[in-house]
Amino acid sequence: MRDSFFVVGEGVLEFDGKGEATTRQPSTAEELRRFRFSRLGPKGPRTDEETRVALATAITADVPQPDSADPAVPAGFTYLGQFVDHDLTMDRTESQLGQDVNLDELMQGRSPALDLDSVYGRGPRDKDDQVCYAEDGVKLKVGTTTPVAFPDEGTNVPFEGFDLPRRGGTAGTAADRRLPLIPDERNDENLVVAQTHLAFIRFHNRVVDELALTGLTGERLFRAAKELVVRHYQWMLRTDHLPRIIDPAIVDDVFTHGRKFFEVPGRHRGRDNSPTMPVEFSVASYRFGHSQVRGAYQWNRVFNSSGPQTGPGGIATLFALFTFTGVSGNFDPSSGTPADLDDVNRGPLFTLPSNWIADFRRLYDFTEAERDDLVPPARFGGGNVTKRIDTLLVDPLTQLPAGTFGGRGTQFREIERNLAFRNLTRASMMELATGQQIAELFGVAPLTAEQILVGNGGAVVEGLSEEQKAQLVANTPLWFYVLREAEVGGGLMGPVGGRITAEVFHRAMEGSRISIVRSPYWRPTLGPDSSTFRMVDLLLFAFEGKADLLNPLGDPAGA
């Protein structure tokens, strides 16, 4: 997790390993270079540790959590959301110092804009990011998987283009050799977001191939491809991703009538068009996706479970999806505990084993694109949907691998592996506004005491005194409030969480150099028609609409 936040008007908020926060004034260089956060609302009261522990324990209690329903949301959207978060919060401050880039490039290279800088970095001419690009300086590199004998000859071959590109070589530690050659290494924290990032690489490369047919070459070809990719990406987020997580009426209001609260045009007095990132979004509302995570996934023909028809490797656990990455894991199938993953040199493999390639049919619903031929066989596990957005997180999120929060090689308390505790603690240290404060700012009725304490089939808050319960009702931590609001609203973020999230997305698109908000007449050209481009359309284009590319391991015999 981030160790410092440059909050406009406050300075640099820094956190040490003991959970203490300090604020200092930025230097002149930092004023120019640092990723800029802001506050949408006022500061709020801190939450005492006893309450944070009790809330985290309730949120991560090992109890059944309902799936998303009416409609169900395909599980890939959980990790698309994580991918988008990394795009929004990409920070190149450290590598920018002393580089030969102009101020405009420097600012844009780390702004909270939806411009896929987590995929493109600062482009193929940048001395750090050029390692992500192929020799032509136009396409992005892809990686090759490692053959493994389990379970059969179908996995005992290398698959080019089905892993992220990695450093490789013989120098450095095993962990160094496994690191991905992508601008934002966070996109290798778990296998689903890693394979999502790979899909975007393939999408870009396929767009390059199509545009090359028009005669474009070199830098002109790269820029044209990037513009087309980013516009389609933004369209997909606006029309496909956001309405699945936020009350669609809120999304439509923001994108039709504009923002009412965050950096409102005519009222915002920023130094340029670069948007800031509200801490209420980064530390609270956009962490809704943590509640969508499943404890295990039907992954491919090898790793699935369906009663008597069980994949030879069993269902893919969340722990396994951390294991088979270079940043959080070590590609070692014998790893069994978070401590195993903390061992950065463990394991003999340096790229993804071939038996762990994703079957994208299990992560997205291609019947939305009338591709009934891309439905995974139900008798071999079928597909996956997200968990409902509510105040419950699956139990494995109490045991995060240290690599997911930069903790490898450090000492920390066991409670600090608990994702809910980490979220609540970071918000408290930042004195984040409460749910009630944001509801008042937005002019909406706050949740009732019963809704906060009882909810709708979510976390059962126990272990608090009557005084602590009263404090929780009066000053609900914003992240918990956003989740409870969605829970009582049937699984969609509502007037507080939904409004924050939709307005930040709108501003992030507006503030991008490439923007569908500032180009309202632009329409997609790579989908089925001029008004439709969904995540399934992106994947179909990236993988040429072919089943053997969307699911290269195929189906079990008899499927």
Protein backbone atom coordinates (compact mmCIF):
# COMPACT_ATOMS: atom_id res chain seq x y z
CA MET A 1 0.00 0.00 0.00
CA ARG A 2 1.03 3.60 -0.54
CA ASP A 3 3.26 5.01 2.23
CA SER A 4 2.66 8.70 1.51
CA PHE A 5 -0.04 10.95 0.08
CA PHE A 6 0.52 14.45 -1.28
CA VAL A 7 -2.78 16.08 -0.27
CA VAL A 8 -3.34 19.48 -1.85
CA GLY A 9 -3.52 22.18 0.81
CA GLU A 10 -2.16 19.92 3.56
CA GLY A 11 1.25 18.66 2.51
CA VAL A 12 2.78 15.20 2.38
CA LEU A 13 1.12 12.68 4.72
CA GLU A 14 3.60 9.93 5.53
CA PHE A 15 3.09 6.67 7.42
CA ASP A 16 5.71 4.61 9.17
CA GLY A 17 5.69 0.85 9.75
CA LYS A 18 4.10 1.31 13.19
CA GLY A 19 0.99 2.98 11.82
CA GLU A 20 1.96 6.50 12.86
CA ALA A 21 1.18 9.42 10.56
CA THR A 22 3.05 12.69 10.13
CA THR A 23 2.56 15.66 7.82
CA ARG A 24 5.33 17.76 6.30
CA GLN A 25 5.50 20.48 3.68
CA PRO A 26 6.57 19.40 0.20
CA SER A 27 9.79 20.54 -1.39
CA THR A 28 9.70 22.58 -4.60
CA ALA A 29 10.60 19.48 -6.63
CA GLU A 30 7.81 17.51 -4.99
CA GLU A 31 5.34 20.27 -5.74
CA LEU A 32 6.12 19.76 -9.41
CA ARG A 33 6.41 16.01 -9.44
CA ARG A 34 4.27 14.26 -6.89
CA PHE A 35 0.96 12.54 -7.55
CA ARG A 36 -1.64 14.88 -6.06
CA PHE A 37 -4.45 13.86 -3.73
CA SER A 38 -7.23 16.08 -2.43
CA ARG A 39 -10.09 15.96 0.05
CA LEU A 40 -13.65 15.97 -1.21
CA GLY A 41 -15.10 16.39 2.28
CA PRO A 42 -13.89 17.57 5.69
CA LYS A 43 -11.55 15.69 7.98
CA GLY A 44 -13.28 13.15 10.21
CA PRO A 45 -12.59 11.68 13.64
CA ARG A 46 -10.19 8.77 14.01
CA THR A 47 -11.45 5.29 14.88
CA ASP A 48 -9.90 3.64 17.93
CA GLU A 49 -8.02 0.37 17.37
CA GLU A 50 -10.44 -1.74 19.40
CA THR A 51 -13.29 -0.68 17.13
CA ARG A 52 -11.19 -1.22 14.02
CA VAL A 53 -10.29 -4.74 15.13
CA ALA A 54 -13.93 -5.53 15.95
CA LEU A 55 -15.13 -4.21 12.59
CA ALA A 56 -12.39 -6.02 10.66
CA THR A 57 -13.19 -9.26 12.49
CA ALA A 58 -16.88 -8.90 11.62
CA ILE A 59 -16.16 -8.00 7.98
CA THR A 60 -13.87 -11.01 7.49
CA ALA A 61 -15.87 -13.50 9.55
CA ASP A 62 -15.90 -16.95 7.98
CA VAL A 63 -19.60 -16.93 7.07
CA PRO A 64 -21.36 -17.48 3.72
CA GLN A 65 -21.45 -14.38 1.54
CA PRO A 66 -24.10 -14.13 -1.18
CA ASP A 67 -23.18 -13.95 -4.84
CA SER A 68 -24.13 -10.93 -6.90
CA ALA A 69 -27.61 -11.33 -8.36
CA ASP A 70 -30.33 -9.55 -10.36
CA PRO A 71 -28.21 -9.35 -12.40
CA ALA A 72 -25.19 -11.44 -11.56
CA VAL A 73 -21.86 -9.77 -12.31
CA PRO A 74 -19.19 -11.91 -14.02
CA ALA A 75 -16.18 -12.34 -11.75
CA GLY A 76 -13.71 -10.75 -14.14
CA PHE A 77 -15.15 -7.34 -13.30
CA THR A 78 -13.71 -7.58 -9.78
CA TYR A 79 -10.22 -7.58 -11.21
CA LEU A 80 -10.98 -5.19 -14.03
CA GLY A 81 -11.84 -2.84 -11.17
CA GLN A 82 -8.44 -3.47 -9.60
CA PHE A 83 -6.75 -2.90 -12.95
CA VAL A 84 -8.60 0.44 -13.29
CA ASP A 85 -7.60 1.44 -9.76
CA HIS A 86 -3.96 0.97 -10.68
CA ASP A 87 -4.49 3.04 -13.83
CA LEU A 88 -6.01 5.84 -11.76
CA THR A 89 -3.35 5.75 -9.06
CA MET A 90 -0.25 5.20 -11.18
CA ASP A 91 2.56 7.28 -9.64
CA ARG A 92 5.87 7.70 -11.49
CA THR A 93 7.37 10.21 -9.03
CA GLU A 94 10.50 8.27 -8.19
CA SER A 95 11.54 7.47 -11.76
CA GLN A 96 10.73 10.96 -13.02
CA LEU A 97 13.39 12.78 -11.04
CA GLY A 98 16.22 13.93 -13.28
CA GLN A 99 14.75 12.58 -16.50
CA ASP A 100 14.70 14.36 -19.81
CA VAL A 101 10.97 14.96 -20.06
CA ASN A 102 9.12 18.25 -20.29
CA LEU A 103 6.86 19.42 -17.46
CA ASP A 104 3.64 18.60 -19.30
CA GLU A 105 4.76 15.02 -19.91
CA LEU A 106 5.95 14.73 -16.34
CA MET A 107 2.60 15.89 -14.95
CA GLN A 108 0.48 13.74 -17.26
CA GLY A 109 2.62 10.67 -16.64
CA ARG A 110 1.27 10.41 -13.13
CA SER A 111 -2.08 12.17 -13.09
CA PRO A 112 -5.27 10.42 -11.91
CA ALA A 113 -6.51 10.08 -15.48
CA LEU A 114 -8.05 7.06 -17.20
CA ASP A 115 -5.40 6.89 -19.89
CA LEU A 116 -3.88 3.40 -19.40
CA ASP A 117 -0.54 4.74 -18.18
CA SER A 118 -0.27 1.50 -16.18
CA VAL A 119 0.00 -0.24 -19.57
CA TYR A 120 1.83 2.40 -21.65
CA GLY A 121 3.92 4.18 -19.01
CA ARG A 122 5.38 7.27 -20.67
CA GLY A 123 5.77 5.48 -23.96
CA PRO A 124 8.39 3.57 -25.95
CA ARG A 125 10.85 6.49 -26.03
CA ASP A 126 11.13 6.70 -22.24
CA LYS A 127 14.38 5.17 -20.97
CA ASP A 128 12.63 3.20 -18.21
CA ASP A 129 9.44 2.16 -19.99
CA GLN A 130 11.03 1.18 -23.30
CA VAL A 131 11.81 -2.26 -21.83
CA CYS A 132 8.04 -2.93 -21.98
CA TYR A 133 7.99 -2.49 -25.75
CA ALA A 134 8.94 -4.74 -28.64
CA GLU A 135 11.89 -3.84 -30.88
CA ASP A 136 9.64 -1.91 -33.26
CA GLY A 137 8.78 0.56 -30.48
CA VAL A 138 5.10 0.21 -31.35
CA LYS A 139 3.87 -3.09 -29.94
CA LEU A 140 4.08 -4.17 -26.30
CA LYS A 141 6.02 -7.24 -25.25
CA VAL A 142 4.31 -10.45 -24.17
CA GLY A 143 5.74 -13.39 -22.25
CA THR A 144 5.87 -17.15 -22.65
CA THR A 145 4.66 -19.70 -20.10
CA THR A 146 6.76 -22.53 -18.66
CA PRO A 147 5.86 -26.10 -19.71
CA VAL A 148 4.75 -28.35 -16.82
CA ALA A 149 3.97 -32.07 -16.91
CA PHE A 150 0.88 -31.80 -14.69
CA PRO A 151 -1.69 -32.89 -15.64
CA ASP A 152 -0.90 -33.96 -19.22
CA GLU A 153 0.93 -33.23 -22.45
CA GLY A 154 -1.45 -30.39 -23.20
CA THR A 155 0.25 -28.29 -20.52
CA ASN A 156 3.78 -29.57 -21.11
CA VAL A 157 4.43 -27.00 -23.84
CA PRO A 158 5.28 -23.27 -23.78
CA PHE A 159 2.50 -20.86 -24.75
CA GLU A 160 3.86 -17.67 -26.27
CA GLY A 161 1.78 -14.60 -25.48
CA PHE A 162 -0.02 -16.00 -22.43
CA ASP A 163 2.12 -14.57 -19.62
CA LEU A 164 3.29 -11.06 -18.88
CA PRO A 165 6.79 -10.31 -20.15
CA ARG A 166 9.33 -10.84 -17.37
CA ARG A 167 12.89 -9.80 -16.65
CA GLY A 168 14.38 -13.28 -16.84
CA GLY A 169 18.12 -13.58 -17.30
CA THR A 170 20.50 -15.03 -14.75
CA ALA A 171 21.37 -11.97 -12.67
CA GLY A 172 19.70 -10.99 -9.41
CA THR A 173 17.46 -12.95 -7.10
CA ALA A 174 14.76 -15.34 -8.24
CA ALA A 175 12.23 -12.64 -7.35
CA ASP A 176 14.07 -10.15 -9.59
CA ARG A 177 13.97 -12.56 -12.52
CA ARG A 178 10.20 -13.06 -12.08
CA LEU A 179 9.31 -9.36 -12.04
CA PRO A 180 7.05 -8.28 -14.91
CA LEU A 181 8.19 -5.84 -17.59
CA ILE A 182 5.17 -3.59 -17.23
CA PRO A 183 4.99 0.04 -16.02
CA ASP A 184 2.97 -0.84 -12.90
CA GLU A 185 4.13 -3.99 -11.11
CA ARG A 186 0.94 -3.96 -8.99
CA ASN A 187 -0.75 -5.53 -12.00
CA ASP A 188 1.08 -8.74 -11.13
CA GLU A 189 -0.24 -8.89 -7.54
CA ASN A 190 -2.66 -11.69 -8.37
CA LEU A 191 -3.10 -13.88 -11.40
CA VAL A 192 -6.47 -12.48 -12.49
CA VAL A 193 -5.26 -8.88 -12.68
CA ALA A 194 -2.06 -10.12 -14.36
CA GLN A 195 -4.04 -11.94 -17.06
CA THR A 196 -6.29 -8.86 -17.37
CA HIS A 197 -3.23 -6.69 -17.99
CA LEU A 198 -2.05 -9.23 -20.57
CA ALA A 199 -5.43 -8.94 -22.34
CA PHE A 200 -4.92 -5.17 -22.63
CA ILE A 201 -1.44 -5.73 -24.07
CA ARG A 202 -2.95 -8.06 -26.65
CA PHE A 203 -5.74 -5.56 -27.35
CA HIS A 204 -3.17 -2.85 -28.10
CA ASN A 205 -1.12 -5.17 -30.30
CA ARG A 206 -4.19 -6.24 -32.28
CA VAL A 207 -5.19 -2.60 -32.81
CA VAL A 208 -1.65 -1.93 -34.07
CA ASP A 209 -2.00 -4.76 -36.60
CA GLU A 210 -5.29 -3.34 -37.87
CA LEU A 211 -4.05 0.25 -38.14
CA ALA A 212 -0.81 -0.85 -39.83
CA LEU A 213 -2.97 -1.92 -42.78
CA THR A 214 -3.74 1.77 -43.38
CA GLY A 215 -0.05 2.51 -43.97
CA LEU A 216 0.77 4.10 -40.61
CA THR A 217 4.21 3.29 -39.20
CA GLY A 218 6.47 4.16 -36.27
CA GLU A 219 5.46 6.81 -33.77
CA ARG A 220 2.36 7.82 -35.76
CA LEU A 221 1.15 4.22 -35.64
CA PHE A 222 1.79 3.97 -31.90
CA ARG A 223 -0.05 7.20 -31.11
CA ALA A 224 -3.02 6.29 -33.28
CA ALA A 225 -3.26 2.85 -31.68
CA LYS A 226 -3.02 4.23 -28.16
CA GLU A 227 -5.73 6.82 -28.85
CA LEU A 228 -8.10 4.19 -30.24
CA VAL A 229 -7.40 1.81 -27.34
CA VAL A 230 -7.89 4.46 -24.64
CA ARG A 231 -11.16 5.75 -26.12
CA HIS A 232 -12.61 2.26 -26.33
CA TYR A 233 -11.42 1.55 -22.79
CA GLN A 234 -13.15 4.66 -21.44
CA TRP A 235 -16.35 3.84 -23.35
CA MET A 236 -16.35 0.32 -21.88
CA LEU A 237 -15.91 1.69 -18.35
CA ARG A 238 -18.70 4.25 -18.78
CA THR A 239 -21.25 1.91 -20.35
CA ASP A 240 -20.34 -1.57 -19.07
CA HIS A 241 -18.28 -1.45 -15.88
CA LEU A 242 -19.82 1.42 -13.90
CA PRO A 243 -23.51 0.41 -14.31
CA ARG A 244 -22.67 -3.01 -12.86
CA ILE A 245 -21.35 -1.54 -9.59
CA ILE A 246 -23.26 1.75 -9.18
CA ASP A 247 -26.95 2.57 -9.36
CA PRO A 248 -27.24 3.29 -13.13
CA ALA A 249 -29.33 6.39 -12.44
CA ILE A 250 -26.34 7.95 -10.65
CA VAL A 251 -23.99 7.06 -13.53
CA ASP A 252 -26.39 8.53 -16.09
CA ASP A 253 -26.85 11.71 -14.05
CA VAL A 254 -23.11 12.32 -13.73
CA PHE A 255 -22.27 11.61 -17.38
CA THR A 256 -25.31 13.48 -18.71
CA HIS A 257 -25.45 16.51 -16.42
CA GLY A 258 -21.90 16.66 -15.11
CA ARG A 259 -20.30 16.64 -11.65
CA LYS A 260 -21.92 18.37 -8.70
CA PHE A 261 -19.26 18.01 -5.99
CA PHE A 262 -15.79 17.04 -7.23
CA GLU A 263 -13.72 19.63 -9.12
CA VAL A 264 -16.86 21.11 -10.62
CA PRO A 265 -16.21 23.06 -13.85
CA GLY A 266 -16.27 26.81 -13.18
CA ARG A 267 -15.62 26.30 -9.48
CA HIS A 268 -12.44 24.23 -9.57
CA ARG A 269 -9.33 26.38 -9.26
CA GLY A 270 -6.64 23.81 -10.05
CA ARG A 271 -3.33 24.97 -11.52
CA ASP A 272 -4.01 23.13 -14.79
CA ASN A 273 -6.41 20.57 -16.21
CA SER A 274 -4.77 17.70 -14.33
CA PRO A 275 -7.28 16.12 -11.96
CA THR A 276 -6.46 15.26 -8.38
CA MET A 277 -7.42 12.06 -6.61
CA PRO A 278 -9.84 12.40 -3.66
CA VAL A 279 -8.68 10.38 -0.67
CA GLU A 280 -12.34 9.47 -0.09
CA PHE A 281 -12.23 7.58 -3.40
CA SER A 282 -8.78 6.05 -3.09
CA VAL A 283 -9.03 4.98 0.56
CA ALA A 284 -12.77 4.22 0.78
CA SER A 285 -15.30 4.16 -2.06
CA TYR A 286 -13.18 2.42 -4.68
CA ARG A 287 -12.19 -0.30 -2.23
CA PHE A 288 -15.70 -1.70 -2.70
CA GLY A 289 -14.17 -4.36 -4.93
CA HIS A 290 -12.61 -6.12 -1.97
CA SER A 291 -16.08 -7.38 -1.07
CA GLN A 292 -16.55 -8.84 -4.58
CA VAL A 293 -13.58 -11.21 -4.28
CA ARG A 294 -14.33 -14.94 -4.15
CA GLY A 295 -12.41 -17.39 -2.00
CA ALA A 296 -11.89 -19.71 -4.98
CA TYR A 297 -12.49 -19.71 -8.74
CA GLN A 298 -13.32 -22.11 -11.53
CA TRP A 299 -10.17 -21.25 -13.46
CA ASN A 300 -9.60 -23.55 -16.45
CA ARG A 301 -9.91 -27.21 -17.44
CA VAL A 302 -7.19 -28.15 -14.93
CA PHE A 303 -8.28 -26.13 -11.91
CA ASN A 304 -12.02 -26.39 -11.34
CA SER A 305 -14.48 -28.35 -9.25
CA SER A 306 -17.95 -29.53 -10.13
CA GLY A 307 -19.00 -32.29 -7.77
CA PRO A 308 -17.97 -35.66 -9.17
CA GLN A 309 -16.39 -34.02 -12.21
CA THR A 310 -13.45 -32.41 -10.43
CA GLY A 311 -10.54 -30.84 -12.25
CA PRO A 312 -7.30 -32.75 -11.66
CA GLY A 313 -5.89 -29.83 -9.68
CA GLY A 314 -9.04 -28.92 -7.74
CA ILE A 315 -10.60 -25.49 -7.67
CA ALA A 316 -8.26 -22.47 -7.86
CA THR A 317 -8.08 -20.90 -4.42
CA LEU A 318 -7.52 -17.20 -3.89
CA PHE A 319 -4.20 -18.13 -2.29
CA ALA A 320 -3.18 -19.92 -5.50
CA LEU A 321 -4.01 -16.81 -7.52
CA PHE A 322 -1.48 -14.91 -5.41
CA THR A 323 1.05 -17.76 -5.68
CA PHE A 324 1.21 -17.78 -9.48
CA THR A 325 2.51 -14.23 -9.88
CA GLY A 326 5.95 -12.70 -9.77
CA VAL A 327 5.16 -9.84 -7.38
CA SER A 328 3.13 -11.54 -4.62
CA GLY A 329 4.08 -15.15 -5.29
CA ASN A 330 6.82 -17.41 -6.58
CA PHE A 331 5.14 -19.73 -9.15
CA ASP A 332 5.78 -22.60 -6.72
CA PRO A 333 2.81 -25.03 -6.44
CA SER A 334 4.22 -26.40 -3.17
CA SER A 335 3.65 -23.05 -1.42
CA GLY A 336 0.97 -23.51 1.21
CA THR A 337 1.09 -20.49 3.52
CA PRO A 338 1.56 -16.72 3.24
CA ALA A 339 4.98 -17.22 4.81
CA ASP A 340 5.93 -19.43 1.84
CA LEU A 341 5.09 -16.57 -0.50
CA ASP A 342 7.16 -14.19 1.61
CA ASP A 343 10.19 -16.31 0.64
CA VAL A 344 11.18 -14.40 -2.49
CA ASN A 345 13.67 -17.03 -3.70
CA ARG A 346 11.45 -20.07 -3.33
CA GLY A 347 10.59 -22.20 -6.36
CA PRO A 348 12.30 -23.19 -9.63
CA LEU A 349 10.01 -21.41 -12.15
CA PHE A 350 10.42 -17.90 -13.50
CA THR A 351 7.33 -17.53 -15.70
CA LEU A 352 3.72 -18.63 -15.34
CA PRO A 353 3.28 -22.42 -15.54
CA SER A 354 1.26 -23.37 -18.63
CA ASN A 355 -1.43 -25.08 -16.55
CA TRP A 356 -2.39 -21.73 -14.95
CA ILE A 357 -3.36 -19.83 -18.13
CA ALA A 358 -6.79 -18.21 -17.69
CA ASP A 359 -9.94 -19.45 -19.38
CA PHE A 360 -11.59 -16.07 -19.98
CA ARG A 361 -14.93 -17.77 -20.62
CA ARG A 362 -15.04 -18.43 -16.87
CA LEU A 363 -14.44 -14.77 -16.00
CA TYR A 364 -16.85 -13.05 -18.43
CA ASP A 365 -20.20 -13.90 -19.99
CA PHE A 366 -19.76 -14.03 -23.76
CA THR A 367 -23.45 -14.73 -24.30
CA GLU A 368 -23.77 -10.94 -23.90
CA ALA A 369 -22.12 -10.81 -27.33
CA GLU A 370 -24.29 -13.67 -28.62
CA ARG A 371 -21.37 -16.07 -28.50
CA ASP A 372 -23.08 -19.14 -27.06
CA ASP A 373 -20.11 -21.17 -28.30
CA LEU A 374 -17.98 -19.48 -25.62
CA VAL A 375 -19.86 -20.85 -22.61
CA PRO A 376 -17.69 -23.01 -20.31
CA PRO A 377 -19.12 -26.48 -19.63
CA ALA A 378 -21.25 -26.46 -16.47
CA ARG A 379 -20.33 -30.03 -15.59
CA PHE A 380 -16.71 -28.91 -15.32
CA GLY A 381 -17.27 -25.96 -13.02
CA GLY A 382 -18.80 -23.43 -15.39
CA GLY A 383 -18.09 -19.75 -14.86
CA ASN A 384 -17.77 -17.43 -11.87
CA VAL A 385 -19.71 -14.42 -10.64
CA THR A 386 -18.62 -11.81 -8.11
CA LYS A 387 -19.70 -11.79 -4.52
CA ARG A 388 -22.32 -9.16 -3.69
CA ILE A 389 -21.02 -5.71 -2.75
CA ASP A 390 -21.65 -5.72 0.99
CA THR A 391 -19.87 -5.62 4.36
CA LEU A 392 -18.41 -9.12 4.09
CA LEU A 393 -15.01 -10.13 2.73
CA VAL A 394 -14.01 -13.72 2.13
CA ASP A 395 -11.89 -15.28 4.86
CA PRO A 396 -8.67 -15.61 2.79
CA LEU A 397 -8.40 -11.81 2.86
CA THR A 398 -7.44 -12.08 6.53
CA GLN A 399 -4.13 -13.62 5.41
CA LEU A 400 -2.68 -11.38 2.72
CA PRO A 401 0.74 -12.32 1.37
CA ALA A 402 3.24 -9.64 2.41
CA GLY A 403 4.05 -8.94 -1.25
CA THR A 404 0.57 -7.48 -1.78
CA PHE A 405 1.36 -4.58 0.56
CA GLY A 406 5.12 -4.24 0.16
CA GLY A 407 5.81 -6.08 3.40
CA ARG A 408 8.27 -8.70 2.21
CA GLY A 409 11.31 -8.75 4.48
CA THR A 410 9.70 -6.60 7.19
CA GLN A 411 8.20 -7.32 10.60
CA PHE A 412 4.50 -6.71 11.19
CA ARG A 413 1.66 -7.84 13.45
CA GLU A 414 -0.54 -10.68 12.20
CA ILE A 415 -3.63 -8.42 12.23
CA GLU A 416 -1.90 -6.33 9.57
CA ARG A 417 -2.39 -9.17 7.06
CA ASN A 418 -6.15 -8.57 7.42
CA LEU A 419 -7.28 -6.45 4.46
CA ALA A 420 -10.27 -4.98 6.29
CA PHE A 421 -8.07 -3.89 9.20
CA ARG A 422 -5.59 -2.32 6.78
CA ASN A 423 -8.36 -0.37 5.01
CA LEU A 424 -9.87 0.90 8.27
CA THR A 425 -6.49 1.78 9.74
CA ARG A 426 -5.28 3.72 6.73
CA ALA A 427 -8.55 5.72 6.65
CA SER A 428 -8.28 6.47 10.35
CA MET A 429 -4.67 7.65 10.05
CA MET A 430 -5.74 9.98 7.24
CA GLU A 431 -8.67 11.34 9.28
CA LEU A 432 -10.96 10.48 6.41
CA ALA A 433 -14.45 11.99 6.39
CA THR A 434 -17.16 9.71 7.78
CA GLY A 435 -20.09 8.39 5.80
CA GLN A 436 -22.38 10.80 7.58
CA GLN A 437 -20.19 13.78 6.72
CA ILE A 438 -20.22 12.91 3.02
CA ALA A 439 -23.98 12.25 3.08
CA GLU A 440 -24.47 15.74 4.54
CA LEU A 441 -22.15 17.23 1.91
CA PHE A 442 -24.15 15.55 -0.85
CA GLY A 443 -27.50 16.47 0.70
CA VAL A 444 -28.75 12.88 1.00
CA ALA A 445 -30.34 11.11 3.95
CA PRO A 446 -27.74 9.14 5.94
CA LEU A 447 -28.13 5.47 6.77
CA THR A 448 -30.16 4.76 9.89
CA ALA A 449 -28.70 3.30 13.08
CA GLU A 450 -30.32 -0.05 12.29
CA GLN A 451 -28.92 -0.09 8.76
CA ILE A 452 -25.42 0.58 10.07
CA LEU A 453 -25.50 -1.89 12.97
CA VAL A 454 -27.65 -4.65 11.45
CA GLY A 455 -27.47 -4.15 7.69
CA ASN A 456 -28.94 -6.64 5.25
CA GLY A 457 -27.26 -10.01 5.60
CA GLY A 458 -23.75 -8.61 5.93
CA ALA A 459 -21.30 -8.19 8.79
CA VAL A 460 -22.62 -8.77 12.32
CA VAL A 461 -20.80 -6.26 14.49
CA GLU A 462 -20.04 -7.73 17.91
CA GLY A 463 -17.62 -7.00 20.71
CA LEU A 464 -18.35 -3.29 20.92
CA SER A 465 -19.55 -1.42 23.98
CA GLU A 466 -22.74 0.63 23.80
CA GLU A 467 -20.59 3.75 23.65
CA GLN A 468 -18.58 2.36 20.74
CA LYS A 469 -21.77 1.38 18.91
CA ALA A 470 -23.09 4.90 19.37
CA GLN A 471 -19.83 6.28 17.95
CA LEU A 472 -20.06 3.87 15.01
CA VAL A 473 -23.59 5.04 14.22
CA ALA A 474 -22.66 8.71 14.48
CA ASN A 475 -19.26 8.49 12.76
CA THR A 476 -19.18 5.46 10.47
CA PRO A 477 -15.84 4.88 8.73
CA LEU A 478 -16.46 5.78 5.10
CA TRP A 479 -15.35 2.44 3.62
CA PHE A 480 -17.69 0.49 5.91
CA TYR A 481 -20.47 3.01 5.20
CA VAL A 482 -20.08 2.62 1.41
CA LEU A 483 -20.26 -1.18 1.70
CA ARG A 484 -23.27 -1.06 4.07
CA GLU A 485 -25.03 1.39 1.74
CA ALA A 486 -24.57 -1.02 -1.18
CA GLU A 487 -25.67 -3.94 0.97
CA VAL A 488 -29.00 -2.35 1.92
CA GLY A 489 -29.35 -1.19 -1.70
CA GLY A 490 -29.24 -4.68 -3.17
CA GLY A 491 -25.55 -4.78 -4.12
CA LEU A 492 -25.14 -1.49 -6.02
CA MET A 493 -23.28 1.52 -4.63
CA GLY A 494 -25.69 4.30 -3.78
CA PRO A 495 -25.90 8.06 -3.14
CA VAL A 496 -22.61 8.29 -1.20
CA GLY A 497 -20.31 5.58 -2.56
CA GLY A 498 -21.78 5.63 -6.04
CA ARG A 499 -21.68 9.41 -6.38
CA ILE A 500 -18.04 9.63 -5.25
CA THR A 501 -17.01 6.88 -7.65
CA ALA A 502 -18.95 8.10 -10.70
CA GLU A 503 -17.73 11.68 -10.32
CA VAL A 504 -14.10 10.61 -10.01
CA PHE A 505 -14.41 8.45 -13.13
CA HIS A 506 -15.98 11.36 -15.02
CA ARG A 507 -13.20 13.74 -13.91
CA ALA A 508 -10.50 11.17 -14.69
CA MET A 509 -11.81 10.82 -18.24
CA GLU A 510 -12.19 14.57 -18.64
CA GLY A 511 -8.62 15.13 -17.42
CA SER A 512 -7.05 12.60 -19.77
CA ARG A 513 -5.31 13.84 -22.92
CA ILE A 514 -7.48 11.31 -24.74
CA SER A 515 -11.06 11.80 -23.54
CA ILE A 516 -14.53 10.67 -24.54
CA VAL A 517 -15.94 13.24 -22.08
CA ARG A 518 -14.34 16.09 -24.01
CA SER A 519 -15.23 14.39 -27.31
CA PRO A 520 -18.95 13.70 -26.79
CA TYR A 521 -19.58 12.77 -30.43
CA TRP A 522 -16.97 10.00 -30.56
CA ARG A 523 -18.36 6.49 -30.99
CA PRO A 524 -16.67 3.06 -30.81
CA THR A 525 -15.65 1.28 -34.00
CA LEU A 526 -14.37 -2.05 -32.64
CA GLY A 527 -17.62 -3.42 -31.21
CA PRO A 528 -20.80 -4.80 -32.75
CA ASP A 529 -22.26 -1.34 -33.46
CA SER A 530 -21.50 2.35 -33.00
CA SER A 531 -22.93 2.53 -29.47
CA THR A 532 -21.66 -0.73 -27.99
CA PHE A 533 -18.26 -1.70 -26.68
CA ARG A 534 -18.18 -3.95 -23.61
CA MET A 535 -15.43 -5.85 -21.86
CA VAL A 536 -16.44 -8.98 -23.78
CA ASP A 537 -16.03 -7.02 -27.02
CA LEU A 538 -12.55 -5.92 -25.94
CA LEU A 539 -11.58 -9.54 -25.22
CA LEU A 540 -13.08 -10.80 -28.46
CA PHE A 541 -11.06 -8.26 -30.42
CA ALA A 542 -7.87 -8.88 -28.43
CA PHE A 543 -8.10 -12.67 -28.86
CA GLU A 544 -9.40 -12.54 -32.45
CA GLY A 545 -12.75 -14.01 -31.38
CA LYS A 546 -11.14 -17.45 -31.16
CA ALA A 547 -12.01 -20.00 -28.50
CA ASP A 548 -8.51 -21.49 -28.60
CA LEU A 549 -7.03 -18.08 -27.66
CA LEU A 550 -9.61 -17.16 -25.01
CA ASN A 551 -9.21 -20.66 -23.58
CA PRO A 552 -5.93 -22.09 -24.91
CA LEU A 553 -5.97 -25.18 -22.68
CA GLY A 554 -9.29 -26.32 -24.13
CA ASP A 555 -11.97 -28.31 -22.32
CA PRO A 556 -11.71 -31.70 -20.60
CA ALA A 557 -12.46 -34.77 -22.68
CA GLY A 558 -16.19 -35.36 -22.85
CA ALA A 559 -17.12 -31.73 -22.20
